[in-house]
Amino acid sequence: MSAVRWLAKCSAAAAIVLIACGFATMRFGSGLQMPATTTRDGTLITLSRYLREPMPDIVLVGISITFRLTEEYIITR
């Protein structure tokens, strides 16, 4: 019987934590971004930012060094 009681307490605690996380997300939004740890994470962060922001005038695609270009190198008229 103690195993069932322990499982019920653990389930209740997990539910409380998940509800608290849901309320925190509603309050603060999901705008906080964790730092990228892998190349795929960095790509997903860039893709999310690209989809959220307004349509850009210029999009750069190319080799892996393209991301190092700053706005100073791009002349728009």
PDB file of N, CA and C in Angstrom:
ATOM      1  N   MET A   1       0.804  -1.194   0.000  1.00  0.00           N
ATOM      2  CA  MET A   1       0.000   0.000   0.000  1.00  0.00           C
ATOM      3  C   MET A   1       0.852   1.265   0.000  1.00  0.00           C
ATOM      4  N   SER A   2       2.042   1.178   0.607  1.00  0.00           N
ATOM      5  CA  SER A   2       2.910   2.358   0.636  1.00  0.00           C
ATOM      6  C   SER A   2       3.425   2.713  -0.762  1.00  0.00           C
ATOM      7  N   ALA A   3       3.567   1.716  -1.627  1.00  0.00           N
ATOM      8  CA  ALA A   3       4.021   1.980  -2.999  1.00  0.00           C
ATOM      9  C   ALA A   3       2.955   2.769  -3.763  1.00  0.00           C
ATOM     10  N   VAL A   4       1.708   2.465  -3.562  1.00  0.00           N
ATOM     11  CA  VAL A   4       0.620   3.180  -4.226  1.00  0.00           C
ATOM     12  C   VAL A   4       0.552   4.612  -3.709  1.00  0.00           C
ATOM     13  N   ARG A   5       0.721   4.780  -2.398  1.00  0.00           N
ATOM     14  CA  ARG A   5       0.709   6.125  -1.806  1.00  0.00           C
ATOM     15  C   ARG A   5       1.880   6.955  -2.344  1.00  0.00           C
ATOM     16  N   TRP A   6       3.061   6.321  -2.456  1.00  0.00           N
ATOM     17  CA  TRP A   6       4.238   7.019  -2.995  1.00  0.00           C
ATOM     18  C   TRP A   6       3.990   7.425  -4.448  1.00  0.00           C
ATOM     19  N   LEU A   7       3.403   6.534  -5.242  1.00  0.00           N
ATOM     20  CA  LEU A   7       3.115   6.831  -6.641  1.00  0.00           C
ATOM     21  C   LEU A   7       2.119   7.976  -6.762  1.00  0.00           C
ATOM     22  N   ALA A   8       1.108   7.998  -5.896  1.00  0.00           N
ATOM     23  CA  ALA A   8       0.124   9.076  -5.923  1.00  0.00           C
ATOM     24  C   ALA A   8       0.782  10.408  -5.573  1.00  0.00           C
ATOM     25  N   LYS A   9       1.661  10.433  -4.582  1.00  0.00           N
ATOM     26  CA  LYS A   9       2.355  11.668  -4.202  1.00  0.00           C
ATOM     27  C   LYS A   9       3.266  12.148  -5.321  1.00  0.00           C
ATOM     28  N   CYS A  10       3.979  11.216  -5.941  1.00  0.00           N
ATOM     29  CA  CYS A  10       4.884  11.567  -7.037  1.00  0.00           C
ATOM     30  C   CYS A  10       4.099  12.111  -8.229  1.00  0.00           C
ATOM     31  N   SER A  11       2.977  11.488  -8.542  1.00  0.00           N
ATOM     32  CA  SER A  11       2.138  11.953  -9.649  1.00  0.00           C
ATOM     33  C   SER A  11       1.565  13.334  -9.365  1.00  0.00           C
ATOM     34  N   ALA A  12       1.138  13.566  -8.124  1.00  0.00           N
ATOM     35  CA  ALA A  12       0.601  14.875  -7.752  1.00  0.00           C
ATOM     36  C   ALA A  12       1.678  15.948  -7.850  1.00  0.00           C
ATOM     37  N   ALA A  13       2.879  15.637  -7.394  1.00  0.00           N
ATOM     38  CA  ALA A  13       3.985  16.601  -7.471  1.00  0.00           C
ATOM     39  C   ALA A  13       4.329  16.916  -8.928  1.00  0.00           C
ATOM     40  N   ALA A  14       4.357  15.889  -9.788  1.00  0.00           N
ATOM     41  CA  ALA A  14       4.658  16.106 -11.208  1.00  0.00           C
ATOM     42  C   ALA A  14       3.572  16.960 -11.858  1.00  0.00           C
ATOM     43  N   ALA A  15       2.310  16.707 -11.502  1.00  0.00           N
ATOM     44  CA  ALA A  15       1.215  17.500 -12.060  1.00  0.00           C
ATOM     45  C   ALA A  15       1.314  18.955 -11.618  1.00  0.00           C
ATOM     46  N   ILE A  16       1.666  19.194 -10.365  1.00  0.00           N
ATOM     47  CA  ILE A  16       1.818  20.564  -9.866  1.00  0.00           C
ATOM     48  C   ILE A  16       2.937  21.283 -10.605  1.00  0.00           C
ATOM     49  N   VAL A  17       4.053  20.604 -10.821  1.00  0.00           N
ATOM     50  CA  VAL A  17       5.175  21.219 -11.535  1.00  0.00           C
ATOM     51  C   VAL A  17       4.784  21.541 -12.975  1.00  0.00           C
ATOM     52  N   LEU A  18       4.098  20.629 -13.650  1.00  0.00           N
ATOM     53  CA  LEU A  18       3.682  20.875 -15.027  1.00  0.00           C
ATOM     54  C   LEU A  18       2.683  22.025 -15.121  1.00  0.00           C
ATOM     55  N   ILE A  19       1.770  22.111 -14.173  1.00  0.00           N
ATOM     56  CA  ILE A  19       0.818  23.223 -14.158  1.00  0.00           C
ATOM     57  C   ILE A  19       1.542  24.539 -13.916  1.00  0.00           C
ATOM     58  N   ALA A  20       2.518  24.537 -12.989  1.00  0.00           N
ATOM     59  CA  ALA A  20       3.298  25.752 -12.726  1.00  0.00           C
ATOM     60  C   ALA A  20       4.074  26.175 -13.971  1.00  0.00           C
ATOM     61  N   CYS A  21       4.635  25.211 -14.697  1.00  0.00           N
ATOM     62  CA  CYS A  21       5.354  25.534 -15.935  1.00  0.00           C
ATOM     63  C   CYS A  21       4.402  26.111 -16.981  1.00  0.00           C
ATOM     64  N   GLY A  22       3.192  25.570 -17.059  1.00  0.00           N
ATOM     65  CA  GLY A  22       2.203  26.093 -17.997  1.00  0.00           C
ATOM     66  C   GLY A  22       1.823  27.533 -17.672  1.00  0.00           C
ATOM     67  N   PHE A  23       1.621  27.821 -16.378  1.00  0.00           N
ATOM     68  CA  PHE A  23       1.303  29.192 -15.981  1.00  0.00           C
ATOM     69  C   PHE A  23       2.476  30.139 -16.236  1.00  0.00           C
ATOM     70  N   ALA A  24       3.698  29.674 -15.979  1.00  0.00           N
ATOM     71  CA  ALA A  24       4.875  30.509 -16.234  1.00  0.00           C
ATOM     72  C   ALA A  24       5.006  30.817 -17.724  1.00  0.00           C
ATOM     73  N   THR A  25       4.719  29.833 -18.575  1.00  0.00           N
ATOM     74  CA  THR A  25       4.791  30.056 -20.016  1.00  0.00           C
ATOM     75  C   THR A  25       3.721  31.045 -20.462  1.00  0.00           C
ATOM     76  N   MET A  26       2.512  30.949 -19.887  1.00  0.00           N
ATOM     77  CA  MET A  26       1.461  31.907 -20.241  1.00  0.00           C
ATOM     78  C   MET A  26       1.839  33.306 -19.777  1.00  0.00           C
ATOM     79  N   ARG A  27       2.470  33.416 -18.621  1.00  0.00           N
ATOM     80  CA  ARG A  27       2.808  34.725 -18.053  1.00  0.00           C
ATOM     81  C   ARG A  27       3.974  35.382 -18.781  1.00  0.00           C
ATOM     82  N   PHE A  28       5.050  34.633 -18.985  1.00  0.00           N
ATOM     83  CA  PHE A  28       6.273  35.193 -19.549  1.00  0.00           C
ATOM     84  C   PHE A  28       6.421  34.931 -21.042  1.00  0.00           C
ATOM     85  N   GLY A  29       5.618  34.064 -21.596  1.00  0.00           N
ATOM     86  CA  GLY A  29       5.727  33.727 -23.014  1.00  0.00           C
ATOM     87  C   GLY A  29       6.848  32.739 -23.241  1.00  0.00           C
ATOM     88  N   SER A  30       6.982  32.324 -24.456  1.00  0.00           N
ATOM     89  CA  SER A  30       8.034  31.349 -24.774  1.00  0.00           C
ATOM     90  C   SER A  30       9.182  32.035 -25.500  1.00  0.00           C
ATOM     91  N   GLY A  31       9.393  33.325 -25.234  1.00  0.00           N
ATOM     92  CA  GLY A  31      10.433  34.082 -25.908  1.00  0.00           C
ATOM     93  C   GLY A  31      11.839  33.804 -25.404  1.00  0.00           C
ATOM     94  N   LEU A  32      11.968  33.173 -24.239  1.00  0.00           N
ATOM     95  CA  LEU A  32      13.302  32.879 -23.725  1.00  0.00           C
ATOM     96  C   LEU A  32      13.922  31.771 -24.557  1.00  0.00           C
ATOM     97  N   GLN A  33      15.147  31.941 -24.945  1.00  0.00           N
ATOM     98  CA  GLN A  33      15.815  30.995 -25.817  1.00  0.00           C
ATOM     99  C   GLN A  33      17.045  30.449 -25.120  1.00  0.00           C
ATOM    100  N   MET A  34      17.151  29.157 -25.042  1.00  0.00           N
ATOM    101  CA  MET A  34      18.337  28.525 -24.475  1.00  0.00           C
ATOM    102  C   MET A  34      19.471  28.620 -25.497  1.00  0.00           C
ATOM    103  N   PRO A  35      20.712  28.700 -25.033  1.00  0.00           N
ATOM    104  CA  PRO A  35      21.825  28.759 -25.986  1.00  0.00           C
ATOM    105  C   PRO A  35      21.943  27.458 -26.771  1.00  0.00           C
ATOM    106  N   ALA A  36      22.372  27.574 -28.009  1.00  0.00           N
ATOM    107  CA  ALA A  36      22.519  26.406 -28.874  1.00  0.00           C
ATOM    108  C   ALA A  36      23.722  25.589 -28.445  1.00  0.00           C
ATOM    109  N   THR A  37      23.546  24.279 -28.377  1.00  0.00           N
ATOM    110  CA  THR A  37      24.656  23.407 -28.008  1.00  0.00           C
ATOM    111  C   THR A  37      25.158  22.590 -29.191  1.00  0.00           C
ATOM    112  N   THR A  38      24.324  22.420 -30.196  1.00  0.00           N
ATOM    113  CA  THR A  38      24.735  21.689 -31.387  1.00  0.00           C
ATOM    114  C   THR A  38      24.429  22.529 -32.625  1.00  0.00           C
ATOM    115  N   THR A  39      24.934  22.129 -33.737  1.00  0.00           N
ATOM    116  CA  THR A  39      24.679  22.845 -34.987  1.00  0.00           C
ATOM    117  C   THR A  39      23.193  22.831 -35.312  1.00  0.00           C
ATOM    118  N   ARG A  40      22.535  21.709 -35.051  1.00  0.00           N
ATOM    119  CA  ARG A  40      21.104  21.604 -35.330  1.00  0.00           C
ATOM    120  C   ARG A  40      20.321  22.583 -34.467  1.00  0.00           C
ATOM    121  N   ASP A  41      20.697  22.734 -33.196  1.00  0.00           N
ATOM    122  CA  ASP A  41      20.019  23.697 -32.328  1.00  0.00           C
ATOM    123  C   ASP A  41      20.150  25.112 -32.875  1.00  0.00           C
ATOM    124  N   GLY A  42      21.346  25.473 -33.317  1.00  0.00           N
ATOM    125  CA  GLY A  42      21.555  26.799 -33.887  1.00  0.00           C
ATOM    126  C   GLY A  42      20.722  27.020 -35.126  1.00  0.00           C
ATOM    127  N   THR A  43      20.584  25.988 -35.946  1.00  0.00           N
ATOM    128  CA  THR A  43      19.784  26.086 -37.154  1.00  0.00           C
ATOM    129  C   THR A  43      18.310  26.273 -36.811  1.00  0.00           C
ATOM    130  N   LEU A  44      17.823  25.544 -35.809  1.00  0.00           N
ATOM    131  CA  LEU A  44      16.423  25.671 -35.415  1.00  0.00           C
ATOM    132  C   LEU A  44      16.132  27.044 -34.827  1.00  0.00           C
ATOM    133  N   ILE A  45      17.078  27.595 -34.065  1.00  0.00           N
ATOM    134  CA  ILE A  45      16.902  28.937 -33.510  1.00  0.00           C
ATOM    135  C   ILE A  45      16.821  29.958 -34.638  1.00  0.00           C
ATOM    136  N   THR A  46      17.705  29.838 -35.618  1.00  0.00           N
ATOM    137  CA  THR A  46      17.700  30.759 -36.751  1.00  0.00           C
ATOM    138  C   THR A  46      16.406  30.630 -37.550  1.00  0.00           C
ATOM    139  N   LEU A  47      15.959  29.409 -37.781  1.00  0.00           N
ATOM    140  CA  LEU A  47      14.721  29.185 -38.519  1.00  0.00           C
ATOM    141  C   LEU A  47      13.522  29.760 -37.772  1.00  0.00           C
ATOM    142  N   SER A  48      13.456  29.568 -36.469  1.00  0.00           N
ATOM    143  CA  SER A  48      12.349  30.119 -35.676  1.00  0.00           C
ATOM    144  C   SER A  48      12.330  31.636 -35.749  1.00  0.00           C
ATOM    145  N   ARG A  49      13.504  32.243 -35.611  1.00  0.00           N
ATOM    146  CA  ARG A  49      13.579  33.704 -35.682  1.00  0.00           C
ATOM    147  C   ARG A  49      13.162  34.187 -37.066  1.00  0.00           C
ATOM    148  N   TYR A  50      13.568  33.473 -38.097  1.00  0.00           N
ATOM    149  CA  TYR A  50      13.220  33.836 -39.473  1.00  0.00           C
ATOM    150  C   TYR A  50      11.710  33.769 -39.688  1.00  0.00           C
ATOM    151  N   LEU A  51      11.059  32.763 -39.120  1.00  0.00           N
ATOM    152  CA  LEU A  51       9.617  32.609 -39.299  1.00  0.00           C
ATOM    153  C   LEU A  51       8.813  33.613 -38.475  1.00  0.00           C
ATOM    154  N   ARG A  52       9.331  34.018 -37.314  1.00  0.00           N
ATOM    155  CA  ARG A  52       8.609  34.946 -36.439  1.00  0.00           C
ATOM    156  C   ARG A  52       8.699  36.388 -36.896  1.00  0.00           C
ATOM    157  N   GLU A  53       9.828  36.785 -37.452  1.00  0.00           N
ATOM    158  CA  GLU A  53      10.054  38.179 -37.814  1.00  0.00           C
ATOM    159  C   GLU A  53       9.413  38.499 -39.162  1.00  0.00           C
ATOM    160  N   PRO A  54       9.243  39.797 -39.464  1.00  0.00           N
ATOM    161  CA  PRO A  54       8.656  40.165 -40.756  1.00  0.00           C
ATOM    162  C   PRO A  54       9.537  39.727 -41.933  1.00  0.00           C
ATOM    163  N   MET A  55       8.944  39.714 -43.101  1.00  0.00           N
ATOM    164  CA  MET A  55       9.629  39.264 -44.307  1.00  0.00           C
ATOM    165  C   MET A  55      10.866  40.122 -44.568  1.00  0.00           C
ATOM    166  N   PRO A  56      12.046  39.507 -44.654  1.00  0.00           N
ATOM    167  CA  PRO A  56      13.265  40.283 -44.891  1.00  0.00           C
ATOM    168  C   PRO A  56      13.389  40.700 -46.355  1.00  0.00           C
ATOM    169  N   ASP A  57      14.163  41.768 -46.578  1.00  0.00           N
ATOM    170  CA  ASP A  57      14.427  42.211 -47.946  1.00  0.00           C
ATOM    171  C   ASP A  57      15.484  41.341 -48.612  1.00  0.00           C
ATOM    172  N   ILE A  58      16.407  40.838 -47.796  1.00  0.00           N
ATOM    173  CA  ILE A  58      17.519  40.042 -48.321  1.00  0.00           C
ATOM    174  C   ILE A  58      17.642  38.770 -47.491  1.00  0.00           C
ATOM    175  N   VAL A  59      17.878  37.659 -48.157  1.00  0.00           N
ATOM    176  CA  VAL A  59      18.145  36.401 -47.485  1.00  0.00           C
ATOM    177  C   VAL A  59      19.453  35.863 -48.024  1.00  0.00           C
ATOM    178  N   LEU A  60      20.375  35.539 -47.134  1.00  0.00           N
ATOM    179  CA  LEU A  60      21.661  34.995 -47.543  1.00  0.00           C
ATOM    180  C   LEU A  60      21.658  33.483 -47.358  1.00  0.00           C
ATOM    181  N   VAL A  61      22.023  32.772 -48.390  1.00  0.00           N
ATOM    182  CA  VAL A  61      22.179  31.328 -48.311  1.00  0.00           C
ATOM    183  C   VAL A  61      23.547  31.001 -48.892  1.00  0.00           C
ATOM    184  N   GLY A  62      24.124  29.934 -48.434  1.00  0.00           N
ATOM    185  CA  GLY A  62      25.430  29.585 -48.975  1.00  0.00           C
ATOM    186  C   GLY A  62      26.204  28.699 -48.034  1.00  0.00           C
ATOM    187  N   ILE A  63      27.491  28.890 -48.036  1.00  0.00           N
ATOM    188  CA  ILE A  63      28.364  28.046 -47.240  1.00  0.00           C
ATOM    189  C   ILE A  63      28.265  28.412 -45.758  1.00  0.00           C
ATOM    190  N   SER A  64      28.914  27.632 -44.927  1.00  0.00           N
ATOM    191  CA  SER A  64      28.796  27.823 -43.485  1.00  0.00           C
ATOM    192  C   SER A  64      29.410  29.130 -43.002  1.00  0.00           C
ATOM    193  N   ILE A  65      30.196  29.794 -43.815  1.00  0.00           N
ATOM    194  CA  ILE A  65      30.826  31.051 -43.403  1.00  0.00           C
ATOM    195  C   ILE A  65      29.861  32.231 -43.597  1.00  0.00           C
ATOM    196  N   THR A  66      28.762  32.016 -44.280  1.00  0.00           N
ATOM    197  CA  THR A  66      27.814  33.091 -44.565  1.00  0.00           C
ATOM    198  C   THR A  66      27.307  33.755 -43.295  1.00  0.00           C
ATOM    199  N   PHE A  67      27.137  32.976 -42.219  1.00  0.00           N
ATOM    200  CA  PHE A  67      26.589  33.554 -40.994  1.00  0.00           C
ATOM    201  C   PHE A  67      27.540  34.559 -40.357  1.00  0.00           C
ATOM    202  N   ARG A  68      28.794  34.574 -40.733  1.00  0.00           N
ATOM    203  CA  ARG A  68      29.762  35.518 -40.162  1.00  0.00           C
ATOM    204  C   ARG A  68      29.683  36.913 -40.777  1.00  0.00           C
ATOM    205  N   LEU A  69      28.971  37.040 -41.882  1.00  0.00           N
ATOM    206  CA  LEU A  69      28.832  38.345 -42.507  1.00  0.00           C
ATOM    207  C   LEU A  69      27.998  39.256 -41.622  1.00  0.00           C
ATOM    208  N   THR A  70      28.439  40.455 -41.438  1.00  0.00           N
ATOM    209  CA  THR A  70      27.655  41.436 -40.668  1.00  0.00           C
ATOM    210  C   THR A  70      26.920  42.354 -41.629  1.00  0.00           C
ATOM    211  N   GLU A  71      26.061  43.177 -41.080  1.00  0.00           N
ATOM    212  CA  GLU A  71      25.285  44.084 -41.917  1.00  0.00           C
ATOM    213  C   GLU A  71      26.165  45.114 -42.618  1.00  0.00           C
ATOM    214  N   GLU A  72      27.366  45.346 -42.110  1.00  0.00           N
ATOM    215  CA  GLU A  72      28.277  46.319 -42.731  1.00  0.00           C
ATOM    216  C   GLU A  72      28.683  45.873 -44.137  1.00  0.00           C
ATOM    217  N   TYR A  73      28.727  44.566 -44.386  1.00  0.00           N
ATOM    218  CA  TYR A  73      29.151  44.060 -45.677  1.00  0.00           C
ATOM    219  C   TYR A  73      28.039  44.059 -46.714  1.00  0.00           C
ATOM    220  N   ILE A  74      26.810  44.257 -46.282  1.00  0.00           N
ATOM    221  CA  ILE A  74      25.673  44.206 -47.193  1.00  0.00           C
ATOM    222  C   ILE A  74      25.198  45.618 -47.443  1.00  0.00           C
ATOM    223  N   ILE A  75      25.179  46.031 -48.673  1.00  0.00           N
ATOM    224  CA  ILE A  75      24.729  47.385 -49.043  1.00  0.00           C
ATOM    225  C   ILE A  75      23.361  47.247 -49.679  1.00  0.00           C
ATOM    226  N   THR A  76      22.361  47.874 -49.079  1.00  0.00           N
ATOM    227  CA  THR A  76      21.022  47.856 -49.659  1.00  0.00           C
ATOM    228  C   THR A  76      20.682  49.238 -50.169  1.00  0.00           C
ATOM    229  N   ARG A  77      19.977  49.311 -51.235  1.00  0.00           N
ATOM    230  CA  ARG A  77      19.598  50.596 -51.814  1.00  0.00           C
ATOM    231  C   ARG A  77      18.124  50.706 -51.939  1.00  0.00           C
TER     232      ARG A  77
END
